[in-house]
Each structure stands twice: as C-alpha cells, then as structure tokens.
Amino acid sequence: MEGSTRIPHFVIKPAKEEEAPLILAFIKQLAEYERLAHEVTATEEGLRATLFGERPFAEVAIGYYQNQPAAFPRSGSVPTRSSFTIIRRF
C-alpha cells in the first residue's frame, strides 16, 4: 500500500501498530474539526485490537510529508461517525 504521490516529499504508508496513538490523535483532530469531539469513543487499545489484531477489521494509511506524519487519508469526502467509534461486532 505504500506509495509516492504527485506532491514532492509526500508519501502514503500503511499504519503500524505502534502508531495507534497517532491514529487516535488524527481521529480526535478530525472529530474536533467536524464539531463531533463529544462522539469520540475510540481508544488506543480499541484501535490496536480492531486494526492490528488477529482479524483486522479495517486498514489505515498515514500520509507523511518530509518524513513527518501529516495526513490521515480518507477514501470519501465526508467523515462518518464510525471513524470516531471502535466497536467489535464480530
């Protein structure tokens, strides 16, 4: 999934388990921007289990600009509340 982009010095890489705090920070920043911070229930532990556990339920990519995390790429243009909540349903 790692790939370069048309933006110089910007690459997208698959997230690693040790980046769970960063992923949670991006989720909280997005929720704050969308005025939905009160809906965030995700935790680092929940992200680790859901994204990197025995049966991952999703994948995460992180954009890096000049080797610094800079973006949380999304496939759609509208965030969903599921971005803020980690629920294991299976």
C-alpha atoms as a PDB file:
ATOM      1  CA  MET A   1       0.000   0.000   0.000  1.00  0.00           C
ATOM      2  CA  GLU A   2       2.969   2.359   0.353  1.00  0.00           C
ATOM      3  CA  GLY A   3       3.171   4.812  -2.465  1.00  0.00           C
ATOM      4  CA  SER A   4       4.518   8.085  -3.643  1.00  0.00           C
ATOM      5  CA  THR A   5       2.290  10.917  -4.726  1.00  0.00           C
ATOM      6  CA  ARG A   6       2.466  13.853  -7.101  1.00  0.00           C
ATOM      7  CA  ILE A   7       3.314  16.082  -4.136  1.00  0.00           C
ATOM      8  CA  PRO A   8       7.092  16.238  -3.663  1.00  0.00           C
ATOM      9  CA  HIS A   9       8.289  14.668  -0.391  1.00  0.00           C
ATOM     10  CA  PHE A  10       4.812  13.298   0.388  1.00  0.00           C
ATOM     11  CA  VAL A  11       4.225   9.540   0.667  1.00  0.00           C
ATOM     12  CA  ILE A  12       1.418   7.377   1.962  1.00  0.00           C
ATOM     13  CA  LYS A  13       2.305   4.366   4.101  1.00  0.00           C
ATOM     14  CA  PRO A  14       0.284   1.679   5.840  1.00  0.00           C
ATOM     15  CA  ALA A  15      -0.037   2.354   9.550  1.00  0.00           C
ATOM     16  CA  LYS A  16       1.809   0.221  12.081  1.00  0.00           C
ATOM     17  CA  GLU A  17       0.513  -0.937  15.452  1.00  0.00           C
ATOM     18  CA  GLU A  18       2.900   1.345  17.318  1.00  0.00           C
ATOM     19  CA  GLU A  19       1.220   4.299  15.564  1.00  0.00           C
ATOM     20  CA  ALA A  20      -2.084   3.736  17.402  1.00  0.00           C
ATOM     21  CA  PRO A  21      -1.555   6.941  19.468  1.00  0.00           C
ATOM     22  CA  LEU A  22      -1.033   8.909  16.236  1.00  0.00           C
ATOM     23  CA  ILE A  23      -4.110   7.359  14.621  1.00  0.00           C
ATOM     24  CA  LEU A  24      -6.188   8.253  17.673  1.00  0.00           C
ATOM     25  CA  ALA A  25      -4.825  11.800  17.594  1.00  0.00           C
ATOM     26  CA  PHE A  26      -5.847  12.142  13.930  1.00  0.00           C
ATOM     27  CA  ILE A  27      -9.318  10.766  14.728  1.00  0.00           C
ATOM     28  CA  LYS A  28      -9.707  13.276  17.562  1.00  0.00           C
ATOM     29  CA  GLN A  29      -8.478  16.146  15.374  1.00  0.00           C
ATOM     30  CA  LEU A  30     -10.967  15.241  12.655  1.00  0.00           C
ATOM     31  CA  ALA A  31     -13.770  14.966  15.199  1.00  0.00           C
ATOM     32  CA  GLU A  32     -12.846  18.338  16.688  1.00  0.00           C
ATOM     33  CA  TYR A  33     -12.837  19.913  13.210  1.00  0.00           C
ATOM     34  CA  GLU A  34     -16.249  18.388  12.475  1.00  0.00           C
ATOM     35  CA  ARG A  35     -17.535  19.569  15.890  1.00  0.00           C
ATOM     36  CA  LEU A  36     -18.108  15.941  16.877  1.00  0.00           C
ATOM     37  CA  ALA A  37     -15.404  15.542  19.525  1.00  0.00           C
ATOM     38  CA  HIS A  38     -18.058  14.519  22.038  1.00  0.00           C
ATOM     39  CA  GLU A  39     -18.724  11.415  19.916  1.00  0.00           C
ATOM     40  CA  VAL A  40     -15.188  10.017  20.049  1.00  0.00           C
ATOM     41  CA  THR A  41     -15.129   6.770  21.999  1.00  0.00           C
ATOM     42  CA  ALA A  42     -12.130   5.184  20.293  1.00  0.00           C
ATOM     43  CA  THR A  43      -9.136   4.233  22.441  1.00  0.00           C
ATOM     44  CA  GLU A  44      -5.595   3.178  21.626  1.00  0.00           C
ATOM     45  CA  GLU A  45      -6.377  -0.317  22.882  1.00  0.00           C
ATOM     46  CA  GLY A  46      -9.502  -0.492  20.737  1.00  0.00           C
ATOM     47  CA  LEU A  47      -7.588   0.682  17.678  1.00  0.00           C
ATOM     48  CA  ARG A  48      -4.875  -1.906  18.246  1.00  0.00           C
ATOM     49  CA  ALA A  49      -7.434  -4.696  18.539  1.00  0.00           C
ATOM     50  CA  THR A  50      -9.564  -3.530  15.621  1.00  0.00           C
ATOM     51  CA  LEU A  51      -6.796  -2.566  13.193  1.00  0.00           C
ATOM     52  CA  PHE A  52      -3.919  -4.855  14.113  1.00  0.00           C
ATOM     53  CA  GLY A  53      -5.479  -7.762  15.995  1.00  0.00           C
ATOM     54  CA  GLU A  54      -5.890 -11.357  14.917  1.00  0.00           C
ATOM     55  CA  ARG A  55      -8.670 -10.384  12.482  1.00  0.00           C
ATOM     56  CA  PRO A  56      -8.201  -6.753  11.431  1.00  0.00           C
ATOM     57  CA  PHE A  57     -11.498  -5.070  10.553  1.00  0.00           C
ATOM     58  CA  ALA A  58     -10.017  -2.113   8.676  1.00  0.00           C
ATOM     59  CA  GLU A  59      -6.795  -0.717   7.277  1.00  0.00           C
ATOM     60  CA  VAL A  60      -5.262   2.673   7.929  1.00  0.00           C
ATOM     61  CA  ALA A  61      -2.857   4.679   5.797  1.00  0.00           C
ATOM     62  CA  ILE A  62      -0.934   7.703   7.002  1.00  0.00           C
ATOM     63  CA  GLY A  63       0.451  10.454   4.794  1.00  0.00           C
ATOM     64  CA  TYR A  64       3.976  11.632   5.559  1.00  0.00           C
ATOM     65  CA  TYR A  65       5.408  14.937   4.379  1.00  0.00           C
ATOM     66  CA  GLN A  66       9.181  15.147   4.670  1.00  0.00           C
ATOM     67  CA  ASN A  67       9.072  12.019   6.870  1.00  0.00           C
ATOM     68  CA  GLN A  68       6.646  13.606   9.352  1.00  0.00           C
ATOM     69  CA  PRO A  69       3.055  12.370   9.779  1.00  0.00           C
ATOM     70  CA  ALA A  70       0.886  14.952   8.100  1.00  0.00           C
ATOM     71  CA  ALA A  71      -2.361  13.401   6.946  1.00  0.00           C
ATOM     72  CA  PHE A  72      -4.958  10.760   7.567  1.00  0.00           C
ATOM     73  CA  PRO A  73      -6.122   9.925   4.016  1.00  0.00           C
ATOM     74  CA  ARG A  74      -9.804   9.144   3.609  1.00  0.00           C
ATOM     75  CA  SER A  75     -11.493   7.418   0.716  1.00  0.00           C
ATOM     76  CA  GLY A  76     -14.596   9.594   0.920  1.00  0.00           C
ATOM     77  CA  SER A  77     -15.035  13.298   1.315  1.00  0.00           C
ATOM     78  CA  VAL A  78     -17.453  13.063   4.226  1.00  0.00           C
ATOM     79  CA  PRO A  79     -16.312  11.627   7.575  1.00  0.00           C
ATOM     80  CA  THR A  80     -18.599   9.165   9.261  1.00  0.00           C
ATOM     81  CA  ARG A  81     -19.223   8.702  12.917  1.00  0.00           C
ATOM     82  CA  SER A  82     -17.757   5.223  12.562  1.00  0.00           C
ATOM     83  CA  SER A  83     -14.404   6.992  12.225  1.00  0.00           C
ATOM     84  CA  PHE A  84     -14.783   8.059  15.833  1.00  0.00           C
ATOM     85  CA  THR A  85     -16.094   4.838  17.356  1.00  0.00           C
ATOM     86  CA  ILE A  86     -14.402   1.480  17.644  1.00  0.00           C
ATOM     87  CA  ILE A  87     -16.859  -1.361  18.083  1.00  0.00           C
ATOM     88  CA  ARG A  88     -16.018  -5.016  17.568  1.00  0.00           C
ATOM     89  CA  ARG A  89     -19.109  -6.573  16.102  1.00  0.00           C
ATOM     90  CA  PHE A  90     -17.784  -9.960  15.031  1.00  0.00           C
END
